[in-house]
Amino acid sequence: MKYICDICGWEYDEEKGYPEGGIAPGTKWEDLPEDFTCPLCSVGKDQFSEA
């Protein structure tokens, strides 16, 4: 599953994770920390939509 930031368009792909931010490939969206923020524009998880 992929999730897109509604503000800037950054994409989180569960298969790829976000290694630069310490999130391993295969990490599910619901397993991300509640305080996860978009690496580009810093909005919270509530500002993302399923792709």
N, C-alpha and C. Protein backbone atom coordinates (compact mmCIF):
# COMPACT_ATOMS: atom_id res chain seq x y z
N MET A 1 0.85 -1.18 0.00
CA MET A 1 0.00 0.00 0.00
C MET A 1 0.90 1.25 0.00
N LYS A 2 0.41 2.29 -0.64
CA LYS A 2 1.12 3.56 -0.69
C LYS A 2 0.24 4.66 -0.12
N TYR A 3 0.87 5.63 0.48
CA TYR A 3 0.18 6.77 1.07
C TYR A 3 0.83 8.05 0.56
N ILE A 4 -0.01 9.01 0.19
CA ILE A 4 0.46 10.26 -0.39
C ILE A 4 0.15 11.42 0.55
N CYS A 5 1.14 12.29 0.76
CA CYS A 5 0.92 13.49 1.55
C CYS A 5 -0.03 14.42 0.79
N ASP A 6 -1.12 14.80 1.43
CA ASP A 6 -2.11 15.68 0.79
C ASP A 6 -1.56 17.08 0.54
N ILE A 7 -0.52 17.46 1.27
CA ILE A 7 0.00 18.82 1.17
C ILE A 7 1.06 18.95 0.07
N CYS A 8 2.07 18.05 0.09
CA CYS A 8 3.18 18.22 -0.85
C CYS A 8 3.33 17.09 -1.86
N GLY A 9 2.62 15.96 -1.67
CA GLY A 9 2.68 14.88 -2.63
C GLY A 9 3.74 13.83 -2.36
N TRP A 10 4.48 13.95 -1.25
CA TRP A 10 5.48 12.92 -0.91
C TRP A 10 4.76 11.59 -0.72
N GLU A 11 5.39 10.51 -1.18
CA GLU A 11 4.75 9.20 -1.14
C GLU A 11 5.47 8.27 -0.17
N TYR A 12 4.69 7.62 0.69
CA TYR A 12 5.23 6.56 1.54
C TYR A 12 4.77 5.23 0.96
N ASP A 13 5.73 4.39 0.60
CA ASP A 13 5.46 3.07 0.03
C ASP A 13 5.85 2.04 1.10
N GLU A 14 4.86 1.26 1.56
CA GLU A 14 5.14 0.28 2.61
C GLU A 14 6.23 -0.71 2.20
N GLU A 15 6.29 -1.08 0.94
CA GLU A 15 7.30 -2.03 0.47
C GLU A 15 8.71 -1.46 0.62
N LYS A 16 8.86 -0.17 0.34
CA LYS A 16 10.18 0.46 0.37
C LYS A 16 10.54 1.01 1.74
N GLY A 17 9.52 1.32 2.56
CA GLY A 17 9.78 1.96 3.84
C GLY A 17 10.35 3.35 3.63
N TYR A 18 11.10 3.80 4.60
CA TYR A 18 11.78 5.11 4.50
C TYR A 18 13.10 4.98 5.25
N PRO A 19 14.06 4.23 4.62
CA PRO A 19 15.33 3.94 5.30
C PRO A 19 16.08 5.19 5.77
N GLU A 20 15.96 6.29 5.01
CA GLU A 20 16.63 7.53 5.39
C GLU A 20 16.12 8.05 6.73
N GLY A 21 14.87 7.68 7.06
CA GLY A 21 14.27 8.11 8.31
C GLY A 21 14.23 7.01 9.36
N GLY A 22 14.94 5.91 9.09
CA GLY A 22 15.00 4.82 10.05
C GLY A 22 13.82 3.87 10.02
N ILE A 23 13.04 3.90 8.93
CA ILE A 23 11.86 3.03 8.81
C ILE A 23 12.17 1.94 7.79
N ALA A 24 12.19 0.70 8.27
CA ALA A 24 12.60 -0.43 7.44
C ALA A 24 11.59 -0.74 6.34
N PRO A 25 12.08 -1.26 5.20
CA PRO A 25 11.17 -1.72 4.16
C PRO A 25 10.20 -2.75 4.73
N GLY A 26 8.95 -2.68 4.27
CA GLY A 26 7.93 -3.60 4.75
C GLY A 26 7.15 -3.09 5.95
N THR A 27 7.50 -1.89 6.45
CA THR A 27 6.79 -1.32 7.60
C THR A 27 5.42 -0.81 7.17
N LYS A 28 4.39 -1.35 7.78
CA LYS A 28 3.02 -0.95 7.48
C LYS A 28 2.75 0.47 7.98
N TRP A 29 1.86 1.16 7.30
CA TRP A 29 1.48 2.52 7.67
C TRP A 29 1.03 2.59 9.13
N GLU A 30 0.18 1.63 9.53
CA GLU A 30 -0.34 1.65 10.89
C GLU A 30 0.74 1.37 11.94
N ASP A 31 1.90 0.85 11.50
CA ASP A 31 3.00 0.58 12.43
C ASP A 31 3.99 1.74 12.54
N LEU A 32 3.78 2.78 11.73
CA LEU A 32 4.63 3.96 11.88
C LEU A 32 4.29 4.64 13.20
N PRO A 33 5.27 5.31 13.80
CA PRO A 33 4.99 6.02 15.05
C PRO A 33 3.87 7.04 14.87
N GLU A 34 3.08 7.26 15.90
CA GLU A 34 1.98 8.23 15.81
C GLU A 34 2.51 9.64 15.53
N ASP A 35 3.76 9.91 15.92
CA ASP A 35 4.32 11.25 15.70
C ASP A 35 5.10 11.34 14.37
N PHE A 36 4.91 10.34 13.48
CA PHE A 36 5.55 10.39 12.16
C PHE A 36 5.09 11.64 11.43
N THR A 37 6.03 12.32 10.78
CA THR A 37 5.68 13.50 9.98
C THR A 37 6.28 13.36 8.58
N CYS A 38 5.68 14.02 7.64
CA CYS A 38 6.17 14.04 6.27
C CYS A 38 7.59 14.61 6.26
N PRO A 39 8.53 13.90 5.61
CA PRO A 39 9.91 14.39 5.57
C PRO A 39 10.08 15.70 4.80
N LEU A 40 9.14 16.02 3.93
CA LEU A 40 9.28 17.24 3.13
C LEU A 40 8.58 18.44 3.74
N CYS A 41 7.36 18.24 4.26
CA CYS A 41 6.61 19.41 4.73
C CYS A 41 6.18 19.33 6.19
N SER A 42 6.52 18.24 6.87
CA SER A 42 6.35 18.10 8.32
C SER A 42 4.92 17.98 8.83
N VAL A 43 3.95 17.68 7.97
CA VAL A 43 2.59 17.46 8.47
C VAL A 43 2.48 16.04 9.02
N GLY A 44 1.48 15.80 9.86
CA GLY A 44 1.30 14.51 10.50
C GLY A 44 0.62 13.48 9.62
N LYS A 45 0.50 12.26 10.18
CA LYS A 45 -0.09 11.14 9.44
C LYS A 45 -1.52 11.41 9.00
N ASP A 46 -2.22 12.28 9.72
CA ASP A 46 -3.62 12.57 9.38
C ASP A 46 -3.76 13.37 8.09
N GLN A 47 -2.62 13.83 7.55
CA GLN A 47 -2.65 14.60 6.30
C GLN A 47 -2.25 13.75 5.09
N PHE A 48 -2.28 12.41 5.26
CA PHE A 48 -1.95 11.49 4.16
C PHE A 48 -3.21 10.76 3.72
N SER A 49 -3.23 10.39 2.45
CA SER A 49 -4.35 9.62 1.89
C SER A 49 -3.79 8.36 1.22
N GLU A 50 -4.60 7.29 1.21
CA GLU A 50 -4.19 6.09 0.50
C GLU A 50 -4.08 6.38 -0.98
N ALA A 51 -3.06 5.80 -1.60
CA ALA A 51 -2.84 6.05 -3.04
C ALA A 51 -3.54 4.95 -3.86
